């Protein structure tokens, strides 16, 4: 279960970073 939790956290952080970059640089979205 800890592995799935860690994967979820990593995906969550990656998603937030990706959305931040997409908002800052719409042309790359």
Protein backbone atom coordinates (compact mmCIF):
# COMPACT_ATOMS: atom_id res chain seq x y z
CA UNK A 1 0.00 0.00 0.00
CA UNK A 2 2.89 2.37 0.76
CA UNK A 3 4.09 1.98 -2.83
CA UNK A 4 0.71 3.04 -4.24
CA UNK A 5 0.62 5.98 -1.81
CA UNK A 6 4.11 7.09 -2.90
CA UNK A 7 3.14 6.81 -6.58
CA UNK A 8 0.00 8.85 -5.92
CA UNK A 9 2.02 11.58 -4.19
CA UNK A 10 4.56 11.70 -7.04
CA UNK A 11 1.81 11.88 -9.67
CA UNK A 12 0.05 14.59 -7.67
CA UNK A 13 3.20 16.73 -7.44
CA UNK A 14 3.98 16.15 -11.12
CA UNK A 15 0.41 17.14 -12.03
CA UNK A 16 0.63 20.38 -10.02
CA UNK A 17 3.99 21.26 -11.58
CA UNK A 18 2.71 20.44 -15.08
CA UNK A 19 -0.39 22.60 -14.57
CA UNK A 20 1.77 25.46 -13.25
CA UNK A 21 4.03 25.29 -16.30
CA UNK A 22 1.01 25.07 -18.61
CA UNK A 23 -0.51 28.19 -17.01
CA UNK A 24 2.79 30.09 -17.21
CA UNK A 25 3.50 28.96 -20.79
CA UNK A 26 0.16 28.35 -22.59
CA UNK A 27 1.90 27.89 -25.95
CA UNK A 28 3.40 24.65 -24.61
CA UNK A 29 0.04 23.36 -23.45
